[in-house]
């Protein structure tokens, strides 16, 4: 899991501040994405793309495979809008340093797959059946091809039976409100569930 040996990102730095003690020392693999629709078009909110930081991590040091996905968005305003688009990152403007953690999703309720590898797009399918699409938005100073690590992570998280059956079993267990994405603004923003 070499993706967890990369430099500390802004989400991990935010967690290190101790607001969420359970994740204070967790290694996080994270990247910035823009939310897109199934056709690959940017879903704009107020004429700006919605940037979301996606992080995966192990909730316990004893786990060998990540079990939690965190979603965060910039907390500070950028040029009068709540989010900065991917183009802003590429032009070298400094993005907001503070993130607002908006979702905590157990990975057993999320299936991550590649939507379009050439365009570096992922598909997140929730246990409810709803799918959301994200396009990688690497910073201009990224030294590595981050999408390769996302491909490796998808392979790591795929259940062994999936390769043979083409389906994925969702384990029965905790009842969880999976209404995670707001319909009205099509953003990745709902309050974080703090039950640990």
C-alpha atoms as a PDB file:
ATOM      1  CA  UNK A   1       0.000   0.000   0.000  1.00  0.00           C
ATOM      2  CA  UNK A   2       2.612   2.496  -1.166  1.00  0.00           C
ATOM      3  CA  UNK A   3      -0.089   5.120  -1.645  1.00  0.00           C
ATOM      4  CA  UNK A   4      -0.091   5.629   2.130  1.00  0.00           C
ATOM      5  CA  UNK A   5       3.641   6.433   2.139  1.00  0.00           C
ATOM      6  CA  UNK A   6       3.173   9.619   0.143  1.00  0.00           C
ATOM      7  CA  UNK A   7       3.567  13.098   1.573  1.00  0.00           C
ATOM      8  CA  UNK A   8       0.918  14.342   3.969  1.00  0.00           C
ATOM      9  CA  UNK A   9      -2.001  16.036   2.246  1.00  0.00           C
ATOM     10  CA  UNK A  10      -4.245  18.815   3.493  1.00  0.00           C
ATOM     11  CA  UNK A  11      -6.937  16.424   4.769  1.00  0.00           C
ATOM     12  CA  UNK A  12      -4.415  14.460   6.815  1.00  0.00           C
ATOM     13  CA  UNK A  13      -2.964  17.717   8.182  1.00  0.00           C
ATOM     14  CA  UNK A  14      -6.502  18.744   9.180  1.00  0.00           C
ATOM     15  CA  UNK A  15      -7.035  15.432  10.992  1.00  0.00           C
ATOM     16  CA  UNK A  16      -3.695  15.806  12.810  1.00  0.00           C
ATOM     17  CA  UNK A  17      -5.072  18.914  14.510  1.00  0.00           C
ATOM     18  CA  UNK A  18      -7.073  16.521  16.688  1.00  0.00           C
ATOM     19  CA  UNK A  19     -10.674  17.567  16.010  1.00  0.00           C
ATOM     20  CA  UNK A  20     -11.482  13.937  15.156  1.00  0.00           C
ATOM     21  CA  UNK A  21      -9.356  12.044  17.662  1.00  0.00           C
ATOM     22  CA  UNK A  22     -10.046   8.619  16.181  1.00  0.00           C
ATOM     23  CA  UNK A  23      -8.226   9.645  12.977  1.00  0.00           C
ATOM     24  CA  UNK A  24      -5.558  11.885  14.494  1.00  0.00           C
ATOM     25  CA  UNK A  25      -2.650   9.585  13.617  1.00  0.00           C
ATOM     26  CA  UNK A  26      -4.156   7.663  10.703  1.00  0.00           C
ATOM     27  CA  UNK A  27      -2.288   7.544   7.396  1.00  0.00           C
ATOM     28  CA  UNK A  28      -4.581   8.951   4.697  1.00  0.00           C
ATOM     29  CA  UNK A  29      -4.450   8.454   0.945  1.00  0.00           C
ATOM     30  CA  UNK A  30      -6.170  11.496  -0.506  1.00  0.00           C
ATOM     31  CA  UNK A  31      -6.751  13.412  -3.717  1.00  0.00           C
ATOM     32  CA  UNK A  32      -8.820  16.333  -4.926  1.00  0.00           C
ATOM     33  CA  UNK A  33     -11.650  15.641  -7.369  1.00  0.00           C
ATOM     34  CA  UNK A  34     -14.281  17.584  -9.293  1.00  0.00           C
ATOM     35  CA  UNK A  35     -17.808  16.167  -9.261  1.00  0.00           C
ATOM     36  CA  UNK A  36     -18.990  15.270 -12.777  1.00  0.00           C
ATOM     37  CA  UNK A  37     -22.060  13.613 -14.253  1.00  0.00           C
ATOM     38  CA  UNK A  38     -22.171  10.209 -15.958  1.00  0.00           C
ATOM     39  CA  UNK A  39     -21.287  11.793 -19.322  1.00  0.00           C
ATOM     40  CA  UNK A  40     -18.140  13.283 -17.794  1.00  0.00           C
ATOM     41  CA  UNK A  41     -19.365  16.882 -17.777  1.00  0.00           C
ATOM     42  CA  UNK A  42     -18.512  19.062 -14.782  1.00  0.00           C
ATOM     43  CA  UNK A  43     -21.465  19.564 -12.487  1.00  0.00           C
ATOM     44  CA  UNK A  44     -21.228  23.248 -11.773  1.00  0.00           C
ATOM     45  CA  UNK A  45     -22.651  25.006  -8.775  1.00  0.00           C
ATOM     46  CA  UNK A  46     -22.905  28.770  -9.257  1.00  0.00           C
ATOM     47  CA  UNK A  47     -20.792  28.456 -12.433  1.00  0.00           C
ATOM     48  CA  UNK A  48     -17.953  26.774 -10.519  1.00  0.00           C
ATOM     49  CA  UNK A  49     -16.956  23.133 -10.347  1.00  0.00           C
ATOM     50  CA  UNK A  50     -17.449  21.508  -6.958  1.00  0.00           C
ATOM     51  CA  UNK A  51     -14.097  20.420  -5.532  1.00  0.00           C
ATOM     52  CA  UNK A  52     -14.073  17.577  -3.047  1.00  0.00           C
ATOM     53  CA  UNK A  53     -11.142  15.975  -1.250  1.00  0.00           C
ATOM     54  CA  UNK A  54     -11.537  12.214  -1.004  1.00  0.00           C
ATOM     55  CA  UNK A  55      -9.460  10.336   1.551  1.00  0.00           C
ATOM     56  CA  UNK A  56      -9.324   6.654   2.437  1.00  0.00           C
ATOM     57  CA  UNK A  57      -7.806   5.287   5.613  1.00  0.00           C
ATOM     58  CA  UNK A  58      -7.817   2.482   8.153  1.00  0.00           C
ATOM     59  CA  UNK A  59      -9.807   3.247  11.276  1.00  0.00           C
ATOM     60  CA  UNK A  60      -7.478   0.957  13.253  1.00  0.00           C
ATOM     61  CA  UNK A  61      -3.728   0.335  12.911  1.00  0.00           C
ATOM     62  CA  UNK A  62      -4.417  -3.419  13.014  1.00  0.00           C
ATOM     63  CA  UNK A  63      -6.363  -3.354   9.738  1.00  0.00           C
ATOM     64  CA  UNK A  64      -4.546  -4.332   6.545  1.00  0.00           C
ATOM     65  CA  UNK A  65      -7.068  -2.785   4.167  1.00  0.00           C
ATOM     66  CA  UNK A  66      -8.654   0.702   4.389  1.00  0.00           C
ATOM     67  CA  UNK A  67     -12.187   0.666   5.774  1.00  0.00           C
ATOM     68  CA  UNK A  68     -13.239   4.337   5.824  1.00  0.00           C
ATOM     69  CA  UNK A  69     -13.741   7.033   3.186  1.00  0.00           C
ATOM     70  CA  UNK A  70     -13.735  10.680   4.203  1.00  0.00           C
ATOM     71  CA  UNK A  71     -15.099  13.487   2.055  1.00  0.00           C
ATOM     72  CA  UNK A  72     -14.131  17.087   2.685  1.00  0.00           C
ATOM     73  CA  UNK A  73     -14.531  20.424   0.966  1.00  0.00           C
ATOM     74  CA  UNK A  74     -12.749  23.769   1.260  1.00  0.00           C
ATOM     75  CA  UNK A  75     -14.075  25.631   4.292  1.00  0.00           C
ATOM     76  CA  UNK A  76     -12.787  29.063   3.264  1.00  0.00           C
ATOM     77  CA  UNK A  77     -14.203  31.056   0.398  1.00  0.00           C
ATOM     78  CA  UNK A  78     -12.237  31.411  -2.824  1.00  0.00           C
ATOM     79  CA  UNK A  79     -12.876  34.519  -4.954  1.00  0.00           C
ATOM     80  CA  UNK A  80     -16.310  34.976  -3.392  1.00  0.00           C
ATOM     81  CA  UNK A  81     -17.472  31.398  -3.996  1.00  0.00           C
ATOM     82  CA  UNK A  82     -17.614  28.417  -1.659  1.00  0.00           C
ATOM     83  CA  UNK A  83     -15.365  26.252  -3.808  1.00  0.00           C
ATOM     84  CA  UNK A  84     -12.435  26.570  -6.157  1.00  0.00           C
ATOM     85  CA  UNK A  85     -12.557  24.747  -9.458  1.00  0.00           C
ATOM     86  CA  UNK A  86      -9.933  22.452 -10.875  1.00  0.00           C
ATOM     87  CA  UNK A  87      -8.742  25.213 -13.218  1.00  0.00           C
ATOM     88  CA  UNK A  88      -7.903  27.348 -10.178  1.00  0.00           C
ATOM     89  CA  UNK A  89      -5.613  24.612  -8.837  1.00  0.00           C
ATOM     90  CA  UNK A  90      -3.853  24.284 -12.181  1.00  0.00           C
ATOM     91  CA  UNK A  91      -3.282  28.018 -12.586  1.00  0.00           C
ATOM     92  CA  UNK A  92      -1.185  27.999  -9.445  1.00  0.00           C
ATOM     93  CA  UNK A  93      -3.588  29.883  -7.190  1.00  0.00           C
ATOM     94  CA  UNK A  94      -3.328  28.860  -3.592  1.00  0.00           C
ATOM     95  CA  UNK A  95      -6.374  26.820  -2.604  1.00  0.00           C
ATOM     96  CA  UNK A  96      -8.073  27.097   0.744  1.00  0.00           C
ATOM     97  CA  UNK A  97      -5.939  25.450   3.437  1.00  0.00           C
ATOM     98  CA  UNK A  98      -8.777  24.612   5.820  1.00  0.00           C
ATOM     99  CA  UNK A  99     -11.107  21.759   4.976  1.00  0.00           C
ATOM    100  CA  UNK A 100     -14.558  20.986   6.282  1.00  0.00           C
ATOM    101  CA  UNK A 101     -15.077  17.266   6.819  1.00  0.00           C
ATOM    102  CA  UNK A 102     -18.526  16.528   5.379  1.00  0.00           C
ATOM    103  CA  UNK A 103     -18.809  12.721   5.182  1.00  0.00           C
ATOM    104  CA  UNK A 104     -17.551   9.613   6.857  1.00  0.00           C
ATOM    105  CA  UNK A 105     -18.504   6.495   4.883  1.00  0.00           C
ATOM    106  CA  UNK A 106     -17.588   2.934   5.810  1.00  0.00           C
ATOM    107  CA  UNK A 107     -16.087   1.459   2.644  1.00  0.00           C
ATOM    108  CA  UNK A 108     -18.336  -1.592   2.974  1.00  0.00           C
ATOM    109  CA  UNK A 109     -21.154   0.745   1.835  1.00  0.00           C
ATOM    110  CA  UNK A 110     -19.225   2.217  -1.115  1.00  0.00           C
ATOM    111  CA  UNK A 111     -17.981   0.532  -4.268  1.00  0.00           C
ATOM    112  CA  UNK A 112     -15.249   2.516  -6.020  1.00  0.00           C
ATOM    113  CA  UNK A 113     -14.684   1.744  -9.696  1.00  0.00           C
ATOM    114  CA  UNK A 114     -13.085   3.350 -12.731  1.00  0.00           C
ATOM    115  CA  UNK A 115     -15.580   5.269 -14.832  1.00  0.00           C
ATOM    116  CA  UNK A 116     -13.129   6.455 -17.496  1.00  0.00           C
ATOM    117  CA  UNK A 117      -9.447   5.638 -16.985  1.00  0.00           C
ATOM    118  CA  UNK A 118      -8.213   7.893 -19.785  1.00  0.00           C
ATOM    119  CA  UNK A 119      -9.925  10.934 -18.245  1.00  0.00           C
ATOM    120  CA  UNK A 120      -9.052   9.819 -14.678  1.00  0.00           C
ATOM    121  CA  UNK A 121     -12.671   9.489 -13.597  1.00  0.00           C
ATOM    122  CA  UNK A 122     -14.029   7.358 -10.760  1.00  0.00           C
ATOM    123  CA  UNK A 123     -17.510   6.111  -9.959  1.00  0.00           C
ATOM    124  CA  UNK A 124     -18.705   5.830  -6.357  1.00  0.00           C
ATOM    125  CA  UNK A 125     -21.700   3.528  -5.990  1.00  0.00           C
ATOM    126  CA  UNK A 126     -23.429   3.604  -2.624  1.00  0.00           C
ATOM    127  CA  UNK A 127     -25.322   0.734  -1.024  1.00  0.00           C
ATOM    128  CA  UNK A 128     -28.540   2.603  -1.908  1.00  0.00           C
ATOM    129  CA  UNK A 129     -27.766   2.103  -5.599  1.00  0.00           C
ATOM    130  CA  UNK A 130     -26.999   5.776  -6.277  1.00  0.00           C
ATOM    131  CA  UNK A 131     -23.814   6.501  -8.218  1.00  0.00           C
ATOM    132  CA  UNK A 132     -21.645   9.597  -8.168  1.00  0.00           C
ATOM    133  CA  UNK A 133     -18.817  10.435 -10.545  1.00  0.00           C
ATOM    134  CA  UNK A 134     -15.564  12.229  -9.802  1.00  0.00           C
ATOM    135  CA  UNK A 135     -12.689  13.397 -11.970  1.00  0.00           C
ATOM    136  CA  UNK A 136      -9.201  13.575 -10.484  1.00  0.00           C
ATOM    137  CA  UNK A 137      -7.970  17.123 -10.106  1.00  0.00           C
ATOM    138  CA  UNK A 138      -4.273  16.878  -9.209  1.00  0.00           C
ATOM    139  CA  UNK A 139      -2.419  19.954  -8.055  1.00  0.00           C
ATOM    140  CA  UNK A 140      -0.034  21.576 -10.501  1.00  0.00           C
ATOM    141  CA  UNK A 141       2.958  20.450  -8.424  1.00  0.00           C
ATOM    142  CA  UNK A 142       1.963  16.738  -8.332  1.00  0.00           C
ATOM    143  CA  UNK A 143       5.092  14.703  -9.037  1.00  0.00           C
ATOM    144  CA  UNK A 144       3.376  11.364  -9.542  1.00  0.00           C
ATOM    145  CA  UNK A 145       0.443  10.020 -11.524  1.00  0.00           C
ATOM    146  CA  UNK A 146      -2.037   9.731  -8.651  1.00  0.00           C
ATOM    147  CA  UNK A 147      -4.636   7.898 -10.705  1.00  0.00           C
ATOM    148  CA  UNK A 148      -2.413   4.794 -10.794  1.00  0.00           C
ATOM    149  CA  UNK A 149      -2.660   4.697  -6.999  1.00  0.00           C
ATOM    150  CA  UNK A 150      -6.462   4.972  -7.189  1.00  0.00           C
ATOM    151  CA  UNK A 151      -6.479   2.044  -9.622  1.00  0.00           C
ATOM    152  CA  UNK A 152      -4.346   0.054  -7.165  1.00  0.00           C
ATOM    153  CA  UNK A 153      -6.696   0.956  -4.318  1.00  0.00           C
ATOM    154  CA  UNK A 154      -9.743  -0.182  -6.306  1.00  0.00           C
ATOM    155  CA  UNK A 155      -8.065  -3.521  -6.946  1.00  0.00           C
ATOM    156  CA  UNK A 156      -7.136  -3.824  -3.258  1.00  0.00           C
ATOM    157  CA  UNK A 157     -10.715  -3.128  -2.141  1.00  0.00           C
ATOM    158  CA  UNK A 158     -12.387  -5.463  -4.655  1.00  0.00           C
ATOM    159  CA  UNK A 159     -13.768  -8.594  -3.025  1.00  0.00           C
ATOM    160  CA  UNK A 160     -12.234 -11.795  -4.487  1.00  0.00           C
ATOM    161  CA  UNK A 161     -15.641 -13.099  -5.666  1.00  0.00           C
ATOM    162  CA  UNK A 162     -16.264  -9.980  -7.735  1.00  0.00           C
ATOM    163  CA  UNK A 163     -13.746 -11.056 -10.343  1.00  0.00           C
ATOM    164  CA  UNK A 164     -15.787 -14.200 -11.000  1.00  0.00           C
ATOM    165  CA  UNK A 165     -19.391 -13.177 -10.497  1.00  0.00           C
ATOM    166  CA  UNK A 166     -19.472  -9.566 -11.665  1.00  0.00           C
ATOM    167  CA  UNK A 167     -21.395  -8.607  -8.525  1.00  0.00           C
ATOM    168  CA  UNK A 168     -20.462  -7.330  -5.122  1.00  0.00           C
ATOM    169  CA  UNK A 169     -22.174  -8.437  -1.950  1.00  0.00           C
ATOM    170  CA  UNK A 170     -22.931  -5.697   0.535  1.00  0.00           C
ATOM    171  CA  UNK A 171     -22.637  -7.169   4.029  1.00  0.00           C
ATOM    172  CA  UNK A 172     -25.681  -6.942   6.256  1.00  0.00           C
ATOM    173  CA  UNK A 173     -25.052  -5.038   9.414  1.00  0.00           C
ATOM    174  CA  UNK A 174     -25.292  -1.500  10.631  1.00  0.00           C
ATOM    175  CA  UNK A 175     -28.315   0.405   9.453  1.00  0.00           C
ATOM    176  CA  UNK A 176     -27.028   3.696   8.126  1.00  0.00           C
ATOM    177  CA  UNK A 177     -28.704   6.665   6.547  1.00  0.00           C
ATOM    178  CA  UNK A 178     -27.145   6.604   3.093  1.00  0.00           C
ATOM    179  CA  UNK A 179     -28.639   9.894   1.939  1.00  0.00           C
ATOM    180  CA  UNK A 180     -25.158  11.318   1.646  1.00  0.00           C
ATOM    181  CA  UNK A 181     -25.316  13.636  -1.290  1.00  0.00           C
ATOM    182  CA  UNK A 182     -27.734  16.548  -1.359  1.00  0.00           C
ATOM    183  CA  UNK A 183     -30.047  16.499  -4.341  1.00  0.00           C
ATOM    184  CA  UNK A 184     -30.794  20.203  -4.396  1.00  0.00           C
ATOM    185  CA  UNK A 185     -27.240  21.410  -5.013  1.00  0.00           C
ATOM    186  CA  UNK A 186     -25.745  18.130  -6.305  1.00  0.00           C
ATOM    187  CA  UNK A 187     -22.773  18.597  -4.014  1.00  0.00           C
ATOM    188  CA  UNK A 188     -20.906  16.258  -1.733  1.00  0.00           C
ATOM    189  CA  UNK A 189     -22.104  17.998   1.403  1.00  0.00           C
ATOM    190  CA  UNK A 190     -24.111  16.593   4.286  1.00  0.00           C
ATOM    191  CA  UNK A 191     -23.265  16.809   7.947  1.00  0.00           C
ATOM    192  CA  UNK A 192     -20.733  14.354   9.307  1.00  0.00           C
ATOM    193  CA  UNK A 193     -22.063  11.521  11.421  1.00  0.00           C
ATOM    194  CA  UNK A 194     -20.003  11.584  14.634  1.00  0.00           C
ATOM    195  CA  UNK A 195     -21.024   8.184  16.040  1.00  0.00           C
ATOM    196  CA  UNK A 196     -17.861   6.233  16.759  1.00  0.00           C
END
